[in-house]
Amino acid sequence: MEDTQPVATLIDSTTSKIKELQKAFTELESHRAITLNLKWKQLEEHFHGLEKSLKRRFTELEDQEKEYETKTIEAWEMLEKREADVMAKEQASLERLQEKRDAAVSAIANAFQKHRKISSGEP
């Protein structure tokens, strides 16, 4: 958005440029060395039309940029949420796996102790 400031300044300066052109046109008309087919009002309307068109397009581009930024932020937030969900599921799976591993180790240890008691002849 920082890059749009110079463009907005240029668009705003068009009014002063049109006034300068009007002065030059008036001076040219006062010399009447040549006949002009266009009148100042026609030129002024044309330039004001161009100025309005530029301002409208500039505003549209700014709106599109804001919409893009909003969508980008939303996409990042959704991605971070999904990543957090995946990490939570992984952690839950690891905890379940650890519980099963601990249960298996305990069962093996119990079985080993029973086997030792039986092989040593203990009642």
C-alpha atoms as a PDB file:
ATOM      1  CA  MET A   1       0.000   0.000   0.000  1.00  0.00           C
ATOM      2  CA  GLU A   2       2.995   2.338   0.493  1.00  0.00           C
ATOM      3  CA  ASP A   3       3.604   2.314  -3.264  1.00  0.00           C
ATOM      4  CA  THR A   4       0.118   3.660  -3.974  1.00  0.00           C
ATOM      5  CA  GLN A   5       0.767   7.032  -2.311  1.00  0.00           C
ATOM      6  CA  PRO A   6       2.832   8.451  -5.223  1.00  0.00           C
ATOM      7  CA  VAL A   7       0.120   7.357  -7.665  1.00  0.00           C
ATOM      8  CA  ALA A   8      -2.580   9.045  -5.594  1.00  0.00           C
ATOM      9  CA  THR A   9      -0.486  12.223  -5.464  1.00  0.00           C
ATOM     10  CA  LEU A  10      -0.061  12.167  -9.237  1.00  0.00           C
ATOM     11  CA  ILE A  11      -3.781  11.704  -9.758  1.00  0.00           C
ATOM     12  CA  ASP A  12      -4.522  14.601  -7.414  1.00  0.00           C
ATOM     13  CA  SER A  13      -2.047  16.807  -9.266  1.00  0.00           C
ATOM     14  CA  THR A  14      -3.975  16.376 -12.523  1.00  0.00           C
ATOM     15  CA  THR A  15      -6.338  19.202 -11.560  1.00  0.00           C
ATOM     16  CA  SER A  16      -3.467  21.669 -11.349  1.00  0.00           C
ATOM     17  CA  LYS A  17      -2.081  20.346 -14.621  1.00  0.00           C
ATOM     18  CA  ILE A  18      -5.472  20.883 -16.260  1.00  0.00           C
ATOM     19  CA  LYS A  19      -5.496  24.489 -14.996  1.00  0.00           C
ATOM     20  CA  GLU A  20      -2.020  25.032 -16.406  1.00  0.00           C
ATOM     21  CA  LEU A  21      -3.181  23.621 -19.721  1.00  0.00           C
ATOM     22  CA  GLN A  22      -6.202  25.913 -19.629  1.00  0.00           C
ATOM     23  CA  LYS A  23      -3.938  28.953 -19.177  1.00  0.00           C
ATOM     24  CA  ALA A  24      -1.766  27.837 -22.087  1.00  0.00           C
ATOM     25  CA  PHE A  25      -4.836  27.207 -24.216  1.00  0.00           C
ATOM     26  CA  THR A  26      -6.239  30.646 -23.358  1.00  0.00           C
ATOM     27  CA  GLU A  27      -2.958  32.275 -24.284  1.00  0.00           C
ATOM     28  CA  LEU A  28      -2.877  30.350 -27.545  1.00  0.00           C
ATOM     29  CA  GLU A  29      -6.450  31.408 -28.321  1.00  0.00           C
ATOM     30  CA  SER A  30      -5.589  35.036 -27.629  1.00  0.00           C
ATOM     31  CA  HIS A  31      -2.942  34.980 -30.340  1.00  0.00           C
ATOM     32  CA  ARG A  32      -5.402  33.540 -32.843  1.00  0.00           C
ATOM     33  CA  ALA A  33      -2.602  32.686 -35.199  1.00  0.00           C
ATOM     34  CA  ILE A  34      -4.398  29.478 -36.007  1.00  0.00           C
ATOM     35  CA  THR A  35      -8.025  28.441 -35.825  1.00  0.00           C
ATOM     36  CA  LEU A  36      -8.705  25.735 -33.280  1.00  0.00           C
ATOM     37  CA  ASN A  37     -11.492  23.272 -33.910  1.00  0.00           C
ATOM     38  CA  LEU A  38     -11.714  22.338 -30.263  1.00  0.00           C
ATOM     39  CA  LYS A  39     -12.994  24.590 -27.551  1.00  0.00           C
ATOM     40  CA  TRP A  40     -11.529  24.606 -24.098  1.00  0.00           C
ATOM     41  CA  LYS A  41     -14.679  23.177 -22.561  1.00  0.00           C
ATOM     42  CA  GLN A  42     -14.402  20.107 -24.754  1.00  0.00           C
ATOM     43  CA  LEU A  43     -10.775  19.579 -23.772  1.00  0.00           C
ATOM     44  CA  GLU A  44     -11.545  20.208 -20.115  1.00  0.00           C
ATOM     45  CA  GLU A  45     -14.413  17.703 -20.150  1.00  0.00           C
ATOM     46  CA  HIS A  46     -12.167  15.156 -21.828  1.00  0.00           C
ATOM     47  CA  PHE A  47      -9.388  15.586 -19.250  1.00  0.00           C
ATOM     48  CA  HIS A  48     -11.804  15.543 -16.328  1.00  0.00           C
ATOM     49  CA  GLY A  49     -13.294  12.343 -17.742  1.00  0.00           C
ATOM     50  CA  LEU A  50      -9.832  10.810 -17.903  1.00  0.00           C
ATOM     51  CA  GLU A  51      -9.113  11.986 -14.361  1.00  0.00           C
ATOM     52  CA  LYS A  52     -12.333  10.425 -13.030  1.00  0.00           C
ATOM     53  CA  SER A  53     -11.592   7.215 -14.882  1.00  0.00           C
ATOM     54  CA  LEU A  54      -8.077   7.057 -13.415  1.00  0.00           C
ATOM     55  CA  LYS A  55      -9.333   7.746  -9.899  1.00  0.00           C
ATOM     56  CA  ARG A  56     -12.044   5.081 -10.230  1.00  0.00           C
ATOM     57  CA  ARG A  57      -9.586   2.494 -11.524  1.00  0.00           C
ATOM     58  CA  PHE A  58      -7.085   3.404  -8.812  1.00  0.00           C
ATOM     59  CA  THR A  59      -9.767   2.944  -6.152  1.00  0.00           C
ATOM     60  CA  GLU A  60     -10.741  -0.399  -7.672  1.00  0.00           C
ATOM     61  CA  LEU A  61      -7.119  -1.545  -7.556  1.00  0.00           C
ATOM     62  CA  GLU A  62      -6.791  -0.448  -3.929  1.00  0.00           C
ATOM     63  CA  ASP A  63      -9.949  -2.383  -3.064  1.00  0.00           C
ATOM     64  CA  GLN A  64      -8.639  -5.460  -4.856  1.00  0.00           C
ATOM     65  CA  GLU A  65      -5.352  -5.174  -2.990  1.00  0.00           C
ATOM     66  CA  LYS A  66      -7.160  -4.941   0.363  1.00  0.00           C
ATOM     67  CA  GLU A  67      -9.306  -7.955  -0.558  1.00  0.00           C
ATOM     68  CA  TYR A  68      -6.189  -9.918  -1.540  1.00  0.00           C
ATOM     69  CA  GLU A  69      -4.494  -9.015   1.742  1.00  0.00           C
ATOM     70  CA  THR A  70      -7.580 -10.066   3.704  1.00  0.00           C
ATOM     71  CA  LYS A  71      -7.766 -13.390   1.876  1.00  0.00           C
ATOM     72  CA  THR A  72      -4.051 -13.951   2.420  1.00  0.00           C
ATOM     73  CA  ILE A  73      -4.402 -13.337   6.155  1.00  0.00           C
ATOM     74  CA  GLU A  74      -7.409 -15.658   6.335  1.00  0.00           C
ATOM     75  CA  ALA A  75      -5.520 -18.362   4.448  1.00  0.00           C
ATOM     76  CA  TRP A  76      -2.551 -18.088   6.819  1.00  0.00           C
ATOM     77  CA  GLU A  77      -4.827 -18.248   9.849  1.00  0.00           C
ATOM     78  CA  MET A  78      -6.579 -21.334   8.452  1.00  0.00           C
ATOM     79  CA  LEU A  79      -3.215 -22.931   7.682  1.00  0.00           C
ATOM     80  CA  GLU A  80      -1.965 -22.255  11.214  1.00  0.00           C
ATOM     81  CA  LYS A  81      -5.180 -23.731  12.661  1.00  0.00           C
ATOM     82  CA  ARG A  82      -4.833 -26.853  10.533  1.00  0.00           C
ATOM     83  CA  GLU A  83      -1.204 -27.183  11.542  1.00  0.00           C
ATOM     84  CA  ALA A  84      -2.185 -26.908  15.212  1.00  0.00           C
ATOM     85  CA  ASP A  85      -4.902 -29.547  14.693  1.00  0.00           C
ATOM     86  CA  VAL A  86      -2.429 -31.916  13.045  1.00  0.00           C
ATOM     87  CA  MET A  87       0.089 -31.398  15.840  1.00  0.00           C
ATOM     88  CA  ALA A  88      -2.619 -32.064  18.465  1.00  0.00           C
ATOM     89  CA  LYS A  89      -3.634 -35.280  16.682  1.00  0.00           C
ATOM     90  CA  GLU A  90      -0.001 -36.362  16.439  1.00  0.00           C
ATOM     91  CA  GLN A  91       0.492 -35.711  20.147  1.00  0.00           C
ATOM     92  CA  ALA A  92      -2.644 -37.680  21.020  1.00  0.00           C
ATOM     93  CA  SER A  93      -1.457 -40.569  18.822  1.00  0.00           C
ATOM     94  CA  LEU A  94       1.963 -40.505  20.457  1.00  0.00           C
ATOM     95  CA  GLU A  95       0.386 -40.590  23.913  1.00  0.00           C
ATOM     96  CA  ARG A  96      -1.829 -43.553  22.946  1.00  0.00           C
ATOM     97  CA  LEU A  97       1.178 -45.319  21.457  1.00  0.00           C
ATOM     98  CA  GLN A  98       3.195 -44.674  24.622  1.00  0.00           C
ATOM     99  CA  GLU A  99       0.372 -46.094  26.766  1.00  0.00           C
ATOM    100  CA  LYS A 100       0.228 -49.222  24.607  1.00  0.00           C
ATOM    101  CA  ARG A 101       4.011 -49.548  24.736  1.00  0.00           C
ATOM    102  CA  ASP A 102       4.016 -49.182  28.508  1.00  0.00           C
ATOM    103  CA  ALA A 103       1.244 -51.773  28.803  1.00  0.00           C
ATOM    104  CA  ALA A 104       3.148 -54.159  26.518  1.00  0.00           C
ATOM    105  CA  VAL A 105       6.392 -53.719  28.487  1.00  0.00           C
ATOM    106  CA  SER A 106       4.505 -54.297  31.740  1.00  0.00           C
ATOM    107  CA  ALA A 107       2.838 -57.431  30.334  1.00  0.00           C
ATOM    108  CA  ILE A 108       6.197 -58.743  29.116  1.00  0.00           C
ATOM    109  CA  ALA A 109       7.796 -58.028  32.506  1.00  0.00           C
ATOM    110  CA  ASN A 110       4.944 -59.830  34.322  1.00  0.00           C
ATOM    111  CA  ALA A 111       5.170 -62.779  31.962  1.00  0.00           C
ATOM    112  CA  PHE A 112       8.939 -62.900  32.405  1.00  0.00           C
ATOM    113  CA  GLN A 113       8.596 -62.898  36.207  1.00  0.00           C
ATOM    114  CA  LYS A 114       5.997 -65.702  36.041  1.00  0.00           C
ATOM    115  CA  HIS A 115       8.262 -67.676  33.756  1.00  0.00           C
ATOM    116  CA  ARG A 116      11.229 -67.230  36.136  1.00  0.00           C
ATOM    117  CA  LYS A 117       9.109 -68.365  39.093  1.00  0.00           C
ATOM    118  CA  ILE A 118       7.955 -71.419  37.191  1.00  0.00           C
ATOM    119  CA  SER A 119      11.465 -72.289  35.940  1.00  0.00           C
ATOM    120  CA  SER A 120      13.037 -71.839  39.360  1.00  0.00           C
ATOM    121  CA  GLY A 121      10.444 -74.084  40.918  1.00  0.00           C
ATOM    122  CA  GLU A 122       8.928 -71.550  43.241  1.00  0.00           C
ATOM    123  CA  PRO A 123       5.392 -72.307  44.381  1.00  0.00           C
END
